[in-house]
């Protein structure tokens, strides 16, 4: 509470915001926490494969070029 609106904070999570109430087993408390985290926040959702496990994934099939996971798909392309 002392840090609220006084300092910058970077927070990461591998869970969507909608799951926080279930994870904390207290929806009102999760809502209050998220209100403070997200007030004046910039949210940068990251999609694609995890870089942590990239070395344990099988290599792409021969002849196919691996698509970087941090680039968006072209408009109209099927996923």
N, C-alpha and C. Protein backbone atom coordinates (compact mmCIF):
# COMPACT_ATOMS: atom_id res chain seq x y z
N UNK A 1 0.81 -1.18 0.00
CA UNK A 1 0.00 0.00 0.00
C UNK A 1 0.87 1.26 0.00
N UNK A 2 2.01 1.22 0.70
CA UNK A 2 2.90 2.38 0.73
C UNK A 2 3.50 2.66 -0.65
N UNK A 3 3.66 1.62 -1.45
CA UNK A 3 4.26 1.77 -2.77
C UNK A 3 3.26 2.25 -3.81
N UNK A 4 1.98 2.06 -3.57
CA UNK A 4 0.92 2.40 -4.53
C UNK A 4 1.01 3.87 -4.95
N UNK A 5 1.14 4.08 -6.25
CA UNK A 5 1.26 5.40 -6.88
C UNK A 5 2.51 6.17 -6.44
N UNK A 6 3.51 5.49 -5.90
CA UNK A 6 4.76 6.14 -5.52
C UNK A 6 5.96 5.64 -6.31
N UNK A 7 5.98 4.38 -6.67
CA UNK A 7 7.12 3.77 -7.36
C UNK A 7 6.62 2.88 -8.50
N UNK A 8 7.51 2.62 -9.44
CA UNK A 8 7.20 1.70 -10.53
C UNK A 8 7.39 0.26 -10.05
N UNK A 9 6.58 -0.62 -10.59
CA UNK A 9 6.68 -2.04 -10.25
C UNK A 9 6.48 -2.85 -11.52
N UNK A 10 7.33 -3.84 -11.73
CA UNK A 10 7.17 -4.77 -12.83
C UNK A 10 6.71 -6.09 -12.24
N UNK A 11 5.64 -6.61 -12.79
CA UNK A 11 5.10 -7.87 -12.29
C UNK A 11 4.85 -8.79 -13.46
N UNK A 12 5.18 -10.05 -13.32
CA UNK A 12 4.91 -11.03 -14.36
C UNK A 12 4.07 -12.15 -13.78
N UNK A 13 3.29 -12.77 -14.63
CA UNK A 13 2.47 -13.90 -14.21
C UNK A 13 2.21 -14.78 -15.42
N UNK A 14 2.15 -16.06 -15.20
CA UNK A 14 1.80 -16.98 -16.28
C UNK A 14 0.32 -17.35 -16.21
N UNK A 15 -0.44 -16.66 -15.40
CA UNK A 15 -1.88 -16.90 -15.25
C UNK A 15 -2.67 -15.70 -15.75
N UNK A 16 -3.79 -15.95 -16.44
CA UNK A 16 -4.62 -14.82 -16.87
C UNK A 16 -5.27 -14.14 -15.67
N UNK A 17 -5.59 -12.86 -15.83
CA UNK A 17 -6.17 -12.09 -14.73
C UNK A 17 -7.47 -12.71 -14.23
N UNK A 18 -8.23 -13.32 -15.13
CA UNK A 18 -9.52 -13.92 -14.74
C UNK A 18 -9.36 -15.06 -13.73
N UNK A 19 -8.18 -15.68 -13.66
CA UNK A 19 -7.95 -16.82 -12.76
C UNK A 19 -7.51 -16.42 -11.36
N UNK A 20 -7.18 -15.16 -11.14
CA UNK A 20 -6.61 -14.75 -9.86
C UNK A 20 -7.54 -14.97 -8.68
N UNK A 21 -8.83 -14.74 -8.85
CA UNK A 21 -9.78 -14.97 -7.76
C UNK A 21 -9.78 -16.42 -7.32
N UNK A 22 -9.75 -17.33 -8.29
CA UNK A 22 -9.71 -18.76 -8.00
C UNK A 22 -8.38 -19.16 -7.36
N UNK A 23 -7.28 -18.58 -7.86
CA UNK A 23 -5.95 -18.92 -7.33
C UNK A 23 -5.79 -18.47 -5.88
N UNK A 24 -6.33 -17.30 -5.55
CA UNK A 24 -6.21 -16.79 -4.18
C UNK A 24 -7.34 -17.26 -3.28
N UNK A 25 -8.30 -17.97 -3.85
CA UNK A 25 -9.48 -18.46 -3.11
C UNK A 25 -10.26 -17.33 -2.45
N UNK A 26 -10.17 -16.13 -3.03
CA UNK A 26 -10.86 -14.98 -2.46
C UNK A 26 -11.02 -13.94 -3.57
N UNK A 27 -12.18 -13.96 -4.24
CA UNK A 27 -12.41 -13.09 -5.38
C UNK A 27 -12.36 -11.61 -4.99
N UNK A 28 -12.98 -11.16 -3.89
CA UNK A 28 -12.89 -9.73 -3.55
C UNK A 28 -11.46 -9.25 -3.28
N UNK A 29 -10.66 -10.07 -2.61
CA UNK A 29 -9.27 -9.69 -2.34
C UNK A 29 -8.48 -9.64 -3.64
N UNK A 30 -8.68 -10.63 -4.50
CA UNK A 30 -7.99 -10.63 -5.79
C UNK A 30 -8.36 -9.40 -6.60
N UNK A 31 -9.64 -9.01 -6.56
CA UNK A 31 -10.09 -7.82 -7.27
C UNK A 31 -9.41 -6.56 -6.75
N UNK A 32 -9.27 -6.46 -5.43
CA UNK A 32 -8.61 -5.29 -4.82
C UNK A 32 -7.13 -5.25 -5.21
N UNK A 33 -6.47 -6.39 -5.18
CA UNK A 33 -5.05 -6.45 -5.56
C UNK A 33 -4.89 -6.04 -7.01
N UNK A 34 -5.72 -6.61 -7.89
CA UNK A 34 -5.62 -6.29 -9.31
C UNK A 34 -5.96 -4.83 -9.60
N UNK A 35 -6.91 -4.26 -8.85
CA UNK A 35 -7.22 -2.84 -9.02
C UNK A 35 -5.97 -2.00 -8.80
N UNK A 36 -5.22 -2.31 -7.77
CA UNK A 36 -4.01 -1.54 -7.48
C UNK A 36 -2.90 -1.82 -8.48
N UNK A 37 -2.74 -3.08 -8.88
CA UNK A 37 -1.72 -3.42 -9.87
C UNK A 37 -2.01 -2.77 -11.22
N UNK A 38 -3.27 -2.76 -11.62
CA UNK A 38 -3.60 -2.34 -12.98
C UNK A 38 -3.96 -0.87 -13.13
N UNK A 39 -4.11 -0.14 -12.02
CA UNK A 39 -4.40 1.28 -12.09
C UNK A 39 -3.17 1.99 -12.65
N UNK A 40 -3.31 2.70 -13.74
CA UNK A 40 -2.21 3.38 -14.45
C UNK A 40 -1.22 2.39 -15.05
N UNK A 41 -1.60 1.11 -15.20
CA UNK A 41 -0.67 0.09 -15.69
C UNK A 41 -0.65 0.03 -17.21
N UNK A 42 0.44 -0.48 -17.72
CA UNK A 42 0.56 -0.84 -19.12
C UNK A 42 0.69 -2.35 -19.14
N UNK A 43 -0.24 -3.00 -19.80
CA UNK A 43 -0.27 -4.46 -19.84
C UNK A 43 0.32 -4.93 -21.16
N UNK A 44 1.32 -5.81 -21.10
CA UNK A 44 1.97 -6.35 -22.29
C UNK A 44 1.79 -7.87 -22.31
N UNK A 45 0.66 -8.37 -22.81
CA UNK A 45 0.50 -9.82 -22.87
C UNK A 45 1.45 -10.42 -23.91
N UNK A 46 2.07 -11.52 -23.55
CA UNK A 46 3.02 -12.20 -24.42
C UNK A 46 2.42 -13.55 -24.78
N UNK A 47 2.40 -13.85 -26.07
CA UNK A 47 1.87 -15.13 -26.52
C UNK A 47 2.97 -15.90 -27.24
N UNK A 48 2.73 -17.14 -27.45
CA UNK A 48 3.69 -17.96 -28.16
C UNK A 48 4.39 -18.93 -27.24
N UNK A 49 5.35 -19.64 -27.79
CA UNK A 49 6.09 -20.64 -27.03
C UNK A 49 7.01 -19.99 -26.01
N UNK A 50 7.22 -20.68 -24.91
CA UNK A 50 8.08 -20.20 -23.85
C UNK A 50 9.55 -20.32 -24.26
N UNK A 51 10.32 -19.28 -23.99
CA UNK A 51 11.76 -19.34 -24.24
C UNK A 51 12.46 -20.22 -23.21
N UNK A 52 11.85 -20.42 -22.05
CA UNK A 52 12.46 -21.26 -21.02
C UNK A 52 12.59 -22.70 -21.47
N UNK A 53 11.62 -23.19 -22.22
CA UNK A 53 11.62 -24.60 -22.60
C UNK A 53 12.02 -24.80 -24.05
N UNK A 54 12.52 -23.76 -24.73
CA UNK A 54 12.84 -23.87 -26.15
C UNK A 54 13.86 -24.96 -26.45
N UNK A 55 14.79 -25.19 -25.54
CA UNK A 55 15.81 -26.21 -25.78
C UNK A 55 15.28 -27.63 -25.61
N UNK A 56 14.16 -27.80 -24.93
CA UNK A 56 13.61 -29.13 -24.72
C UNK A 56 12.56 -29.49 -25.77
N UNK A 57 12.19 -28.53 -26.64
CA UNK A 57 11.20 -28.80 -27.68
C UNK A 57 11.87 -29.47 -28.87
N UNK A 58 11.14 -30.33 -29.59
CA UNK A 58 11.73 -30.95 -30.78
C UNK A 58 11.98 -29.89 -31.85
N UNK A 59 13.02 -30.09 -32.68
CA UNK A 59 13.29 -29.11 -33.73
C UNK A 59 12.16 -29.11 -34.76
N UNK A 60 11.98 -28.00 -35.50
CA UNK A 60 10.93 -27.97 -36.52
C UNK A 60 11.20 -28.99 -37.61
N UNK A 61 10.15 -29.45 -38.27
CA UNK A 61 10.29 -30.43 -39.35
C UNK A 61 11.17 -29.87 -40.46
N UNK A 62 11.94 -30.76 -41.09
CA UNK A 62 12.86 -30.34 -42.15
C UNK A 62 12.06 -29.72 -43.30
N UNK A 63 12.60 -28.65 -43.84
CA UNK A 63 11.94 -27.97 -44.95
C UNK A 63 10.97 -26.89 -44.50
N UNK A 64 10.62 -26.87 -43.22
CA UNK A 64 9.74 -25.84 -42.70
C UNK A 64 10.57 -24.88 -41.87
N UNK A 65 10.31 -23.62 -42.07
CA UNK A 65 11.01 -22.59 -41.32
C UNK A 65 10.25 -22.32 -40.03
N UNK A 66 10.92 -22.31 -38.91
CA UNK A 66 10.28 -22.02 -37.62
C UNK A 66 9.90 -20.55 -37.58
N UNK A 67 8.67 -20.27 -37.16
CA UNK A 67 8.19 -18.89 -37.03
C UNK A 67 8.54 -18.38 -35.65
N UNK A 68 9.18 -17.22 -35.54
CA UNK A 68 9.48 -16.66 -34.21
C UNK A 68 8.18 -16.44 -33.44
N UNK A 69 8.16 -16.82 -32.17
CA UNK A 69 6.94 -16.74 -31.37
C UNK A 69 6.61 -15.34 -30.92
N UNK A 70 7.55 -14.40 -31.02
CA UNK A 70 7.26 -13.06 -30.52
C UNK A 70 6.74 -12.14 -31.61
N UNK A 71 6.56 -12.65 -32.84
CA UNK A 71 6.02 -11.83 -33.91
C UNK A 71 4.58 -12.21 -34.17
N UNK A 72 3.70 -11.22 -34.39
CA UNK A 72 2.30 -11.52 -34.66
C UNK A 72 2.13 -12.17 -36.02
N UNK A 73 1.07 -12.94 -36.18
CA UNK A 73 0.77 -13.57 -37.46
C UNK A 73 0.32 -12.49 -38.45
N UNK A 74 0.63 -12.67 -39.73
CA UNK A 74 0.16 -11.70 -40.73
C UNK A 74 -1.37 -11.68 -40.76
N UNK A 75 -1.93 -10.55 -41.13
CA UNK A 75 -3.39 -10.42 -41.19
C UNK A 75 -3.96 -11.44 -42.16
N UNK A 76 -5.01 -12.12 -41.72
CA UNK A 76 -5.68 -13.09 -42.57
C UNK A 76 -5.06 -14.48 -42.54
N UNK A 77 -3.93 -14.64 -41.87
CA UNK A 77 -3.28 -15.96 -41.82
C UNK A 77 -3.94 -16.84 -40.77
N UNK A 78 -4.08 -18.10 -41.09
CA UNK A 78 -4.66 -19.05 -40.13
C UNK A 78 -3.60 -19.48 -39.14
N UNK A 79 -4.00 -19.69 -37.90
CA UNK A 79 -3.05 -20.12 -36.86
C UNK A 79 -3.00 -21.61 -36.79
